[in-house]
Amino acid sequence: MDPDIPLVGEDEGEEGPGPESRSDSETDADADFEGFVVDDDGLTTSKEHVEQGSDPQNIPWDRLQVSRQRYRETRLEQYHNYVNLREVVEQNQERLQKEKTDVVKDGSYYGFHQNLQSVRSDIAHFQLRHLLWTTSKHDVYTTNENCINHFSTVARKSTKVLDLSGASTDSRLSGLGRVQISTFCVRHDLMAAGGFAGELIVANLKKTGLQCSKRVTTSEMGITNGIDIFQGHSGGISIMTANNDNVIRIFDSEQFRSQSEHKFEWPVNLAIANPSEGSSLAIVVGDDPDAILLDLRTQSPVMHLKGHLDYSFAASWHPNDAHIVATGNQDTSTRIWDLRQPSVSKAIMCGNMGAVRSLRYSADGKFLAASEPADFVRLYDVDLNYTRCQEIDLFGEIGGCSFTPDSSSFFLCVADVVYSSLMEFTTSAVKRTSP
């Protein structure tokens, strides 16, 4: 990733009446750790509001000088997708369009349930968008002002669970001070956050205090770009960091001692372990068009997956098929790979206007969510070989997306100076027609 561009800013078009891009908030975080209640204060848009004609994001189009349709057209015309290998992307754009999978966008898998403007999010670096996690259909984690917050959909209450704003009094953070959160991961009852100075901060959701607080690298180029928490091939829970100093590092989750390191020739943006029991494979993407399949046991590359035109920041393993993995790239494409036939992509899906910065399979393996940096998220039907999708059309930078573990709900967070929010979609909200 580009370490010298820490702010959100892919959309270089003119500012319109809708949401604006924003950088990481520099406002001092509130040191009060007590939760705040999200009540019916006009900041919640429900399914019923939308059915009565309200905009899901509460954007007052009737009071603006432009219609939603016209503003959408303007955004598509003026949005400038950020790429590093522009010449390569432009030279191969025609070929990519010919090779891409034909996708019908008429899916209706998850219906709009609610939009919560009181649950705010922000983004520290425009290329890093893994900033939302769910651990149940009631528990959602987002970042704002260098704090990780937990939102309960039952209690309708948001609480700070990890304060890295500099206001924390935890003595284990005394040597780190304020940590600018670049990425985080919540899994196996652990929460691990990464920072711009190569930090790794770990908390246990069932225990008080921090479990780990350190820098994994002293390199000036050592931003922690990605984190994965997984059950290793030897049985224990491990934490894997992907850093801008070209190294992925694996730590045990008990003593947080280094288990292994692997150095690449380019900055690593994300490394995700195969979730299949006993697997020692991981998919690694970074500042290179190739995705690397790495054997964590031998620390040796197994294969190179070739096809993308630019740098990749997103990847996801199919939860029920150890041979299927998806990768997302700044060339706007999502590629599906069958590792039994790695020489060709199983499917190639292209976005509307920007890079694919976040990918998540649903836990049941039926859907793949692909998020652009702004405005569009698509939910692909896996059973139909990704030829049909539901397209979620909104306005604003997208910090991340996540299916709940039971696959009944889908969340995404919007980072915007005015319309920052948490959006929830559910299978129960889909209108079913009688046969």
Foldseek 3Di string as FASTA:
>chain_A
DDLVFFFADQFPFDDDPDFDGGAADPDQDDLDQDKDAQDPPVQKDFPVNVVVPADQLRDPQVPDPDHPVVVVVVSLVRGHADFDPVVLLVVCVVVLVVAAFAAAAPDDQWAFGMWGQVDFAHARHLLFFQAWEAAFPQWIWGDHQQFIWIAGPVRNIIGTDGHQNQSDPAPQCVVPGRFAFHHWDDDPQKIWTWGSQQWIWIDGNVDDDTPDTDHPDRDNQWGFQEKEWAQALVGFIWIWTFTQQQKIWIAGSHNRDTPDMAGDPGGWRYKYFQRDHNAQWIWTWFFDQWIFIARNVVRDTDDTQHDGRGGWREKDAQQPDSQWMWTWFFSQWIFIARNVPRPDTLHIHGDSHGTFNYWDAALVRQWIWTDGQFFWIWIAGVVVVRRYIHIDGDGAGWNYKYAGNVNFKIWTFGHGPPSTIIIMIGSVNGDDDDD
